[in-house]
C-alpha cells in the first residue's frame, strides 16, 4: 500500500488480483522511488538488517528486485523468491545472472530450499496478504539457521481502522483496497490482524521478537513528499516492522 496511490476500501470478498502479473510493470515503476517504498519501507528494512556483508539472505516476495539489489550491493549473498512470473522477469532484467531467483511463494508448496539455508529472511509487505500465518512462518523458520533473523514489514494494524472504521480491530478480517499504480488501477486484498495476534503468531512459530519498530521516513522524504504531514490522518505509521530470531 502506498501513500502515492489513490485508495478506497472495498468490501470483503471483492475480486482482487492474486498475481501481480497484470500490473507488474506499473507497480514496479510506481514503487521504485515513491514515498512508501523508496523512502520508507526499503530504507527501514535495510537499517534493521544492518551489516549484511557475507550473509545468506532470502528475499521473500522480491517483486522486481529493488530490495534484493540493495542487499546484493551491500555484500549479501541474496536469493529472491516471487510468485509472479512477470515480476520475476523484471527482477532478472534488473539483477542479471548473479542473483539466484525462484518462482514460488508462501501458503502453498514448500519453498524450494533446504533446511537452514539462510542466515536472514526478509518478508517485506508479504505476510499481510495471507490468511494463514502458521504454515508460512513454519516454512520461513525451516529455511533459517538457528539464531537466524526474520525481518518483517506488515501493514500497521491501526491502518485497518483508519481505512475501514466499521471493521473489527480485534478480529482477523479480510479487506480490499483499490490502488492506482502509474495510472493503472488494481485491487489488492489483505488480512488484518490486531497487534496481539501478530506477536502471538510469531512466538507460536518459534521466533523471539528482538525489535519492534515504527521508524520515521528516510532523510529527504519530507522535502520530496509534502503530503507526508497529512497522510494518513496526520500520522505516518503505515507499517510495522519486526526483527525476529529463530529459536
Protein backbone atom coordinates (compact mmCIF):
# COMPACT_ATOMS: atom_id res chain seq x y z
CA UNK A 1 0.00 0.00 0.00
CA UNK A 2 1.42 3.36 -0.99
CA UNK A 3 0.68 6.89 0.08
CA UNK A 4 1.27 7.90 -3.52
CA UNK A 5 -1.69 5.75 -4.53
CA UNK A 6 -5.36 6.58 -4.73
CA UNK A 7 -7.18 4.17 -2.50
CA UNK A 8 -10.63 3.37 -1.18
CA UNK A 9 -11.78 0.49 0.95
CA UNK A 10 -13.67 -2.27 -0.82
CA UNK A 11 -16.00 -4.90 0.55
CA UNK A 12 -14.67 -8.18 1.85
CA UNK A 13 -14.71 -10.74 -0.91
CA UNK A 14 -14.29 -8.17 -3.68
CA UNK A 15 -12.42 -9.57 -6.66
CA UNK A 16 -8.70 -8.97 -6.19
CA UNK A 17 -5.51 -9.56 -8.09
CA UNK A 18 -3.75 -12.62 -6.77
CA UNK A 19 -0.92 -12.31 -9.24
CA UNK A 20 0.87 -9.02 -9.83
CA UNK A 21 1.44 -10.06 -13.44
CA UNK A 22 -1.49 -7.98 -14.62
CA UNK A 23 0.08 -4.76 -13.35
CA UNK A 24 3.69 -5.72 -12.62
CA UNK A 25 5.33 -3.07 -14.80
CA UNK A 26 3.06 -0.30 -13.48
CA UNK A 27 3.67 -1.42 -9.89
CA UNK A 28 7.43 -1.61 -10.36
CA UNK A 29 7.55 1.87 -11.90
CA UNK A 30 5.34 3.37 -9.17
CA UNK A 31 7.23 1.85 -6.26
CA UNK A 32 10.80 2.34 -7.47
CA UNK A 33 11.33 5.63 -5.67
CA UNK A 34 7.96 6.64 -4.22
CA UNK A 35 7.34 7.64 -0.62
CA UNK A 36 6.24 4.36 0.93
CA UNK A 37 8.66 2.05 -0.87
CA UNK A 38 11.63 4.20 -1.83
CA UNK A 39 11.71 6.43 1.24
CA UNK A 40 10.11 4.31 3.95
CA UNK A 41 9.88 0.52 3.82
CA UNK A 42 13.10 -0.27 1.93
CA UNK A 43 15.27 2.14 3.94
CA UNK A 44 13.72 0.86 7.17
CA UNK A 45 14.37 -2.77 6.25
CA UNK A 46 17.97 -2.00 5.28
CA UNK A 47 18.53 -0.15 8.55
CA UNK A 48 17.17 -3.08 10.54
CA UNK A 49 19.30 -5.55 8.55
CA UNK A 50 22.48 -3.59 9.30
CA UNK A 51 25.77 -5.01 8.03
CA UNK A 52 24.79 -7.85 5.71
CA UNK A 53 28.15 -8.48 4.02
CA UNK A 54 28.61 -12.21 3.51
CA UNK A 55 25.20 -13.12 4.96
CA UNK A 56 22.95 -15.52 3.07
CA UNK A 57 19.63 -13.71 2.72
CA UNK A 58 16.31 -14.83 1.26
CA UNK A 59 14.12 -12.00 -0.04
CA UNK A 60 10.57 -13.41 0.06
CA UNK A 61 8.21 -11.74 -2.39
CA UNK A 62 11.12 -9.95 -4.01
CA UNK A 63 8.97 -8.43 -6.76
CA UNK A 64 11.01 -6.61 -9.38
CA UNK A 65 14.05 -6.79 -7.11
CA UNK A 66 14.85 -3.30 -5.76
CA UNK A 67 15.45 -4.52 -2.20
CA UNK A 68 17.28 -7.59 -3.49
CA UNK A 69 19.60 -5.31 -5.46
CA UNK A 70 20.31 -3.13 -2.43
CA UNK A 71 21.16 -6.14 -0.29
CA UNK A 72 23.44 -7.52 -3.00
CA UNK A 73 25.18 -4.18 -3.37
CA UNK A 74 25.87 -4.24 0.38
CA UNK A 75 27.68 -7.55 0.07
CA UNK A 76 24.95 -10.05 0.93
CA UNK A 77 24.54 -13.37 -0.88
CA UNK A 78 20.91 -12.86 -1.86
CA UNK A 79 18.29 -15.24 -3.19
CA UNK A 80 14.90 -13.99 -4.33
CA UNK A 81 11.62 -15.87 -4.44
CA UNK A 82 8.48 -14.42 -6.02
CA UNK A 83 5.16 -15.96 -7.12
CA UNK A 84 4.57 -13.66 -10.10
CA UNK A 85 6.34 -14.74 -13.29
CA UNK A 86 6.16 -11.20 -14.67
CA UNK A 87 7.72 -9.74 -11.53
CA UNK A 88 10.49 -12.35 -11.76
CA UNK A 89 11.11 -11.33 -15.37
CA UNK A 90 11.57 -7.72 -14.25
CA UNK A 91 13.83 -8.84 -11.40
CA UNK A 92 16.03 -10.81 -13.79
CA UNK A 93 16.36 -7.77 -16.03
CA UNK A 94 17.49 -5.73 -13.03
CA UNK A 95 19.72 -8.27 -11.30
CA UNK A 96 21.28 -10.19 -14.15
CA UNK A 97 22.62 -13.68 -13.61
CA UNK A 98 24.50 -13.16 -10.35
CA UNK A 99 21.42 -13.39 -8.10
CA UNK A 100 19.54 -16.67 -7.73
CA UNK A 101 15.82 -16.21 -8.38
CA UNK A 102 13.00 -18.72 -7.94
CA UNK A 103 9.29 -18.69 -8.63
CA UNK A 104 7.28 -19.52 -5.54
CA UNK A 105 5.58 -18.10 -2.52
CA UNK A 106 4.13 -18.77 0.90
CA UNK A 107 0.91 -20.54 1.73
CA UNK A 108 1.24 -23.27 -0.89
CA UNK A 109 4.07 -25.60 -1.81
CA UNK A 110 7.20 -25.61 0.39
CA UNK A 111 9.87 -23.12 -0.54
CA UNK A 112 12.46 -24.64 -2.91
CA UNK A 113 15.31 -24.51 -0.37
CA UNK A 114 16.81 -26.97 2.11
CA UNK A 115 16.58 -26.59 5.86
CA UNK A 116 18.81 -23.94 7.47
CA UNK A 117 19.81 -22.47 4.10
CA UNK A 118 19.78 -18.79 5.13
CA UNK A 119 21.14 -16.52 7.82
CA UNK A 120 18.35 -13.99 7.29
CA UNK A 121 14.92 -13.99 5.67
CA UNK A 122 13.22 -10.75 4.72
CA UNK A 123 9.46 -10.64 4.22
CA UNK A 124 8.71 -7.04 3.32
CA UNK A 125 4.99 -6.35 2.79
CA UNK A 126 4.20 -10.03 2.26
CA UNK A 127 2.55 -11.62 5.30
CA UNK A 128 -0.46 -9.29 5.37
CA UNK A 129 -1.67 -10.91 2.13
CA UNK A 130 -2.02 -14.28 3.88
CA UNK A 131 -4.89 -15.59 5.98
CA UNK A 132 -2.81 -18.48 7.37
CA UNK A 133 0.42 -17.40 9.01
CA UNK A 134 1.08 -20.67 10.82
CA UNK A 135 2.24 -22.58 7.75
CA UNK A 136 4.05 -19.62 6.26
CA UNK A 137 6.03 -18.86 9.42
CA UNK A 138 6.87 -22.53 9.90
CA UNK A 139 8.34 -22.59 6.41
CA UNK A 140 10.35 -19.42 7.00
CA UNK A 141 11.62 -20.88 10.28
CA UNK A 142 12.62 -24.07 8.46
CA UNK A 143 14.90 -22.33 5.95
CA UNK A 144 16.62 -20.24 8.64
CA UNK A 145 19.65 -21.33 10.61
CA UNK A 146 19.15 -21.48 14.40
CA UNK A 147 19.56 -17.93 15.62
CA UNK A 148 18.87 -16.57 12.13
CA UNK A 149 16.79 -13.46 11.65
CA UNK A 150 13.38 -12.94 10.11
CA UNK A 151 12.88 -9.26 9.25
CA UNK A 152 9.24 -8.38 8.59
CA UNK A 153 7.23 -5.37 7.46
CA UNK A 154 3.43 -5.59 7.56
CA UNK A 155 0.52 -3.20 7.41
CA UNK A 156 0.24 -1.39 10.73
CA UNK A 157 -2.94 -2.77 12.35
CA UNK A 158 -4.20 0.75 13.09
CA UNK A 159 -4.40 1.44 9.34
CA UNK A 160 -7.31 -1.00 9.09
CA UNK A 161 -9.49 1.15 11.35
CA UNK A 162 -8.49 4.33 9.51
CA UNK A 163 -9.48 2.90 6.14
CA UNK A 164 -12.41 0.75 7.33
CA UNK A 165 -13.82 2.34 10.50
CA UNK A 166 -16.62 -0.24 10.53
CA UNK A 167 -14.13 -3.10 10.81
CA UNK A 168 -13.44 -5.04 14.00
CA UNK A 169 -9.89 -4.22 15.08
CA UNK A 170 -9.73 -7.28 17.37
CA UNK A 171 -10.73 -9.78 14.66
CA UNK A 172 -8.71 -11.31 11.84
CA UNK A 173 -10.56 -9.88 8.85
CA UNK A 174 -10.10 -9.68 5.11
CA UNK A 175 -10.28 -6.31 3.41
CA UNK A 176 -9.68 -4.93 -0.05
CA UNK A 177 -8.06 -1.72 -1.21
CA UNK A 178 -8.26 -0.16 -4.67
CA UNK A 179 -4.95 1.37 -5.74
CA UNK A 180 -3.65 3.26 -8.74
CA UNK A 181 -0.15 2.27 -9.87
CA UNK A 182 1.23 4.62 -12.54
CA UNK A 183 -2.29 5.22 -13.82
CA UNK A 184 -3.34 1.55 -13.71
CA UNK A 185 -6.00 0.51 -11.20
CA UNK A 186 -5.62 -2.69 -9.19
CA UNK A 187 -7.48 -4.15 -6.22
CA UNK A 188 -5.34 -5.77 -3.53
CA UNK A 189 -6.72 -7.92 -0.73
CA UNK A 190 -5.16 -8.09 2.74
CA UNK A 191 -5.75 -9.80 6.08
CA UNK A 192 -5.90 -7.56 9.12
CA UNK A 193 -4.67 -8.86 12.47
CA UNK A 194 -4.59 -6.96 15.76
CA UNK A 195 -1.17 -6.42 17.26
CA UNK A 196 -1.55 -9.11 19.91
CA UNK A 197 -2.45 -11.68 17.22
CA UNK A 198 0.60 -10.71 15.14
CA UNK A 199 3.01 -11.16 18.04
CA UNK A 200 1.33 -14.40 19.13
CA UNK A 201 1.76 -15.85 15.63
CA UNK A 202 5.48 -15.07 15.74
CA UNK A 203 6.14 -16.60 19.14
CA UNK A 204 4.00 -19.66 18.44
CA UNK A 205 6.12 -20.31 15.33
CA UNK A 206 9.31 -20.42 17.39
CA UNK A 207 10.57 -16.87 16.95
CA UNK A 208 11.79 -14.48 19.61
CA UNK A 209 10.87 -10.85 18.98
CA UNK A 210 14.02 -8.74 19.31
CA UNK A 211 12.86 -5.47 17.71
CA UNK A 212 9.55 -3.73 17.08
CA UNK A 213 9.98 -0.59 15.01
CA UNK A 214 7.80 2.32 13.84
CA UNK A 215 10.52 4.32 12.06
CA UNK A 216 10.30 7.78 10.55
CA UNK A 217 10.72 8.13 6.78
CA UNK A 218 14.20 8.41 5.30
CA UNK A 219 16.08 11.68 5.07
CA UNK A 220 14.76 13.95 2.34
CA UNK A 221 11.27 12.46 2.28
CA UNK A 222 9.52 15.49 3.75
CA UNK A 223 11.01 17.79 1.11
CA UNK A 224 10.14 15.45 -1.76
CA UNK A 225 6.68 14.50 -0.49
CA UNK A 226 4.91 17.44 1.20
CA UNK A 227 1.80 15.29 1.69
CA UNK A 228 3.75 13.31 4.28
CA UNK A 229 2.50 15.54 7.09
CA UNK A 230 -1.16 14.79 6.36
CA UNK A 231 -1.20 11.08 5.40
CA UNK A 232 -2.91 9.16 6.84
CA UNK A 233 -4.99 11.26 9.21
CA UNK A 234 -1.93 13.14 10.42
CA UNK A 235 0.14 10.01 11.04
CA UNK A 236 2.80 8.18 9.06
CA UNK A 237 2.56 4.87 10.92
CA UNK A 238 1.53 2.89 7.84
CA UNK A 239 3.65 -0.17 8.53
CA UNK A 240 5.03 -2.07 11.48
CA UNK A 241 8.50 -3.63 11.40
CA UNK A 242 9.83 -6.59 13.36
CA UNK A 243 13.16 -8.34 13.75
CA UNK A 244 12.68 -11.91 14.96
CA UNK A 245 15.25 -14.50 15.98
CA UNK A 246 14.73 -18.17 15.13
CA UNK A 247 14.87 -20.30 18.28
